[in-house]
């Protein structure tokens, strides 16, 4: 952590295993949900895996990615907010595409999100997640975009952040959330 945000957070490079990273990049390329680059400013493909093993996913490989991510996610939750460990009901793996020339406004996550992991997938260069001191956007800090870099944080009322895509190509991320 190089920036003093309102809350502690972590940045981890090479977060996904190489084959999982390639699979995620191909998911954006091959999934019809993302085919029309002009259909919406932000497109989300939601996938849920419950703590009881029930799976609501588009693809079976997501279970493998879930298995690889979930242990790390629980370790980070233990570090950042140990009192939330017993509140986890399920995990969401959302493929999020922000199409060109769009902005997702400053916000804290919804209260059900216990821990969030944003993993940068494509393109090679883009704009990272921007952290703020408050809703007005004071003291902005960009978590620099680097493919397969993860930003990990726990939701609080003061974890203000946003993301944008000022470029001509889509900005693709895998967003993994532990939900209570």
Protein backbone atom coordinates (compact mmCIF):
# COMPACT_ATOMS: atom_id res chain seq x y z
CA UNK A 1 0.00 0.00 0.00
CA UNK A 2 1.61 3.24 -1.16
CA UNK A 3 -1.32 5.64 -0.75
CA UNK A 4 -3.08 6.52 2.50
CA UNK A 5 -6.75 5.79 1.75
CA UNK A 6 -9.49 5.94 4.37
CA UNK A 7 -9.05 2.19 4.90
CA UNK A 8 -6.31 -0.37 4.47
CA UNK A 9 -6.09 -2.09 1.09
CA UNK A 10 -3.70 -4.35 -0.79
CA UNK A 11 -2.33 -4.53 -4.31
CA UNK A 12 -1.10 -7.87 -5.63
CA UNK A 13 0.50 -8.42 -9.03
CA UNK A 14 0.18 -11.71 -10.94
CA UNK A 15 -2.98 -12.39 -8.96
CA UNK A 16 -4.49 -15.02 -11.24
CA UNK A 17 -2.67 -18.15 -12.36
CA UNK A 18 -1.48 -17.66 -15.98
CA UNK A 19 -4.04 -20.10 -17.44
CA UNK A 20 -6.86 -18.46 -15.47
CA UNK A 21 -5.79 -15.01 -16.66
CA UNK A 22 -5.80 -16.20 -20.29
CA UNK A 23 -9.19 -17.85 -19.79
CA UNK A 24 -10.63 -14.59 -18.40
CA UNK A 25 -9.22 -12.54 -21.28
CA UNK A 26 -10.78 -15.00 -23.74
CA UNK A 27 -14.09 -14.91 -21.86
CA UNK A 28 -14.41 -11.22 -22.74
CA UNK A 29 -13.44 -11.90 -26.37
CA UNK A 30 -15.73 -14.91 -26.88
CA UNK A 31 -18.83 -14.12 -24.79
CA UNK A 32 -21.78 -12.68 -26.72
CA UNK A 33 -22.63 -10.47 -23.71
CA UNK A 34 -19.64 -8.29 -24.61
CA UNK A 35 -19.88 -8.46 -28.43
CA UNK A 36 -21.56 -5.09 -29.06
CA UNK A 37 -19.04 -2.54 -27.86
CA UNK A 38 -21.61 0.25 -28.19
CA UNK A 39 -24.60 -1.37 -26.46
CA UNK A 40 -24.04 0.02 -22.94
CA UNK A 41 -21.42 1.99 -21.15
CA UNK A 42 -20.88 -0.74 -18.53
CA UNK A 43 -21.61 -4.44 -19.10
CA UNK A 44 -21.54 -6.94 -16.24
CA UNK A 45 -21.73 -10.73 -16.44
CA UNK A 46 -22.67 -11.92 -12.93
CA UNK A 47 -21.75 -15.35 -11.59
CA UNK A 48 -22.38 -16.65 -8.05
CA UNK A 49 -20.86 -19.49 -6.07
CA UNK A 50 -22.45 -20.15 -2.66
CA UNK A 51 -20.66 -21.39 0.43
CA UNK A 52 -22.84 -24.55 0.30
CA UNK A 53 -21.42 -25.40 -3.14
CA UNK A 54 -24.36 -24.24 -5.29
CA UNK A 55 -23.06 -22.67 -8.53
CA UNK A 56 -24.75 -20.07 -10.75
CA UNK A 57 -22.12 -19.60 -13.46
CA UNK A 58 -21.90 -19.23 -17.21
CA UNK A 59 -18.93 -21.59 -17.55
CA UNK A 60 -17.57 -24.56 -15.62
CA UNK A 61 -14.00 -23.18 -15.69
CA UNK A 62 -15.21 -20.42 -13.36
CA UNK A 63 -15.36 -23.01 -10.58
CA UNK A 64 -11.62 -23.59 -11.03
CA UNK A 65 -10.96 -19.85 -10.91
CA UNK A 66 -13.19 -19.58 -7.84
CA UNK A 67 -11.22 -22.32 -6.11
CA UNK A 68 -7.96 -20.49 -6.85
CA UNK A 69 -9.20 -17.05 -5.79
CA UNK A 70 -11.41 -17.86 -2.80
CA UNK A 71 -8.66 -18.97 -0.42
CA UNK A 72 -6.74 -15.76 -1.09
CA UNK A 73 -9.91 -13.71 -0.73
CA UNK A 74 -10.64 -15.25 2.67
CA UNK A 75 -7.04 -14.57 3.81
CA UNK A 76 -7.39 -10.91 2.83
CA UNK A 77 -10.76 -10.70 4.58
CA UNK A 78 -9.08 -12.15 7.70
CA UNK A 79 -6.41 -9.42 7.49
CA UNK A 80 -8.72 -6.51 6.68
CA UNK A 81 -11.93 -7.31 8.57
CA UNK A 82 -11.72 -10.51 10.64
CA UNK A 83 -15.13 -9.88 12.19
CA UNK A 84 -16.75 -10.44 8.80
CA UNK A 85 -15.43 -13.98 8.20
CA UNK A 86 -18.60 -15.70 9.47
CA UNK A 87 -20.84 -13.39 7.44
CA UNK A 88 -19.83 -14.69 3.98
CA UNK A 89 -22.84 -16.24 2.15
CA UNK A 90 -21.46 -16.47 -1.37
CA UNK A 91 -18.88 -15.16 -3.80
CA UNK A 92 -19.59 -13.23 -6.98
CA UNK A 93 -17.28 -13.32 -9.96
CA UNK A 94 -18.35 -10.51 -12.22
CA UNK A 95 -16.83 -9.86 -15.60
CA UNK A 96 -17.04 -6.08 -15.98
CA UNK A 97 -16.48 -4.23 -19.24
CA UNK A 98 -16.47 -0.44 -19.30
CA UNK A 99 -16.74 0.61 -22.91
CA UNK A 100 -14.72 3.47 -24.33
CA UNK A 101 -15.10 7.05 -23.17
CA UNK A 102 -17.15 6.24 -20.08
CA UNK A 103 -16.94 6.85 -16.34
CA UNK A 104 -18.39 4.91 -13.40
CA UNK A 105 -19.05 7.54 -10.70
CA UNK A 106 -17.51 7.86 -7.24
CA UNK A 107 -19.17 5.42 -4.84
CA UNK A 108 -18.63 3.06 -1.91
CA UNK A 109 -19.68 -0.54 -2.61
CA UNK A 110 -23.07 -1.77 -1.41
CA UNK A 111 -23.15 -2.89 2.22
CA UNK A 112 -23.51 -6.61 1.33
CA UNK A 113 -20.03 -6.61 -0.21
CA UNK A 114 -17.67 -7.71 2.53
CA UNK A 115 -14.48 -7.80 0.48
CA UNK A 116 -13.82 -6.76 -3.13
CA UNK A 117 -11.03 -7.78 -5.47
CA UNK A 118 -10.68 -5.93 -8.78
CA UNK A 119 -8.39 -7.73 -11.22
CA UNK A 120 -7.26 -5.84 -14.32
CA UNK A 121 -7.57 -8.02 -17.44
CA UNK A 122 -7.42 -5.97 -20.68
CA UNK A 123 -6.23 -3.97 -22.53
CA UNK A 124 -2.48 -3.84 -21.99
CA UNK A 125 -2.71 -0.17 -20.88
CA UNK A 126 -5.71 1.57 -19.34
CA UNK A 127 -6.79 3.60 -16.33
CA UNK A 128 -6.83 1.89 -12.94
CA UNK A 129 -9.29 2.21 -10.08
CA UNK A 130 -9.28 5.65 -8.48
CA UNK A 131 -9.46 5.97 -4.68
CA UNK A 132 -10.78 9.12 -2.97
CA UNK A 133 -10.87 10.63 0.50
CA UNK A 134 -14.59 11.47 0.16
CA UNK A 135 -17.62 11.58 -2.14
CA UNK A 136 -16.52 14.96 -3.49
CA UNK A 137 -13.43 13.32 -5.01
CA UNK A 138 -10.76 14.91 -2.82
CA UNK A 139 -7.23 13.43 -2.81
CA UNK A 140 -7.63 11.13 -5.84
CA UNK A 141 -5.14 8.30 -6.23
CA UNK A 142 -5.07 5.90 -9.16
CA UNK A 143 -4.12 2.28 -8.52
CA UNK A 144 -2.03 1.99 -11.66
CA UNK A 145 -3.35 -0.34 -14.34
CA UNK A 146 -1.25 -3.42 -14.92
CA UNK A 147 -2.67 -6.60 -16.39
CA UNK A 148 -3.34 -9.26 -13.74
CA UNK A 149 -2.93 -6.73 -10.90
CA UNK A 150 -5.51 -6.98 -8.11
CA UNK A 151 -6.79 -4.25 -5.82
CA UNK A 152 -8.20 -5.80 -2.63
CA UNK A 153 -10.27 -3.88 -0.05
CA UNK A 154 -13.15 -4.27 2.36
CA UNK A 155 -16.20 -2.11 1.94
CA UNK A 156 -16.88 0.68 4.42
CA UNK A 157 -18.99 3.83 4.14
CA UNK A 158 -15.82 5.80 3.39
CA UNK A 159 -14.19 3.57 0.75
CA UNK A 160 -14.90 5.99 -2.07
CA UNK A 161 -13.68 4.87 -5.48
CA UNK A 162 -14.47 5.09 -9.18
CA UNK A 163 -13.16 3.94 -12.50
CA UNK A 164 -13.11 5.35 -15.99
CA UNK A 165 -12.13 4.49 -19.50
CA UNK A 166 -10.94 7.50 -21.51
CA UNK A 167 -9.56 5.19 -24.22
CA UNK A 168 -11.04 3.86 -27.47
CA UNK A 169 -10.95 0.19 -26.48
CA UNK A 170 -12.91 -1.58 -23.72
CA UNK A 171 -11.58 -1.78 -20.15
CA UNK A 172 -12.08 -5.35 -18.85
CA UNK A 173 -11.84 -6.47 -15.22
CA UNK A 174 -12.74 -9.52 -13.19
CA UNK A 175 -14.36 -8.34 -9.96
CA UNK A 176 -14.54 -10.92 -7.19
CA UNK A 177 -16.72 -10.09 -4.20
CA UNK A 178 -17.36 -11.91 -0.95
CA UNK A 179 -21.01 -11.19 -0.20
CA UNK A 180 -22.77 -11.31 3.17
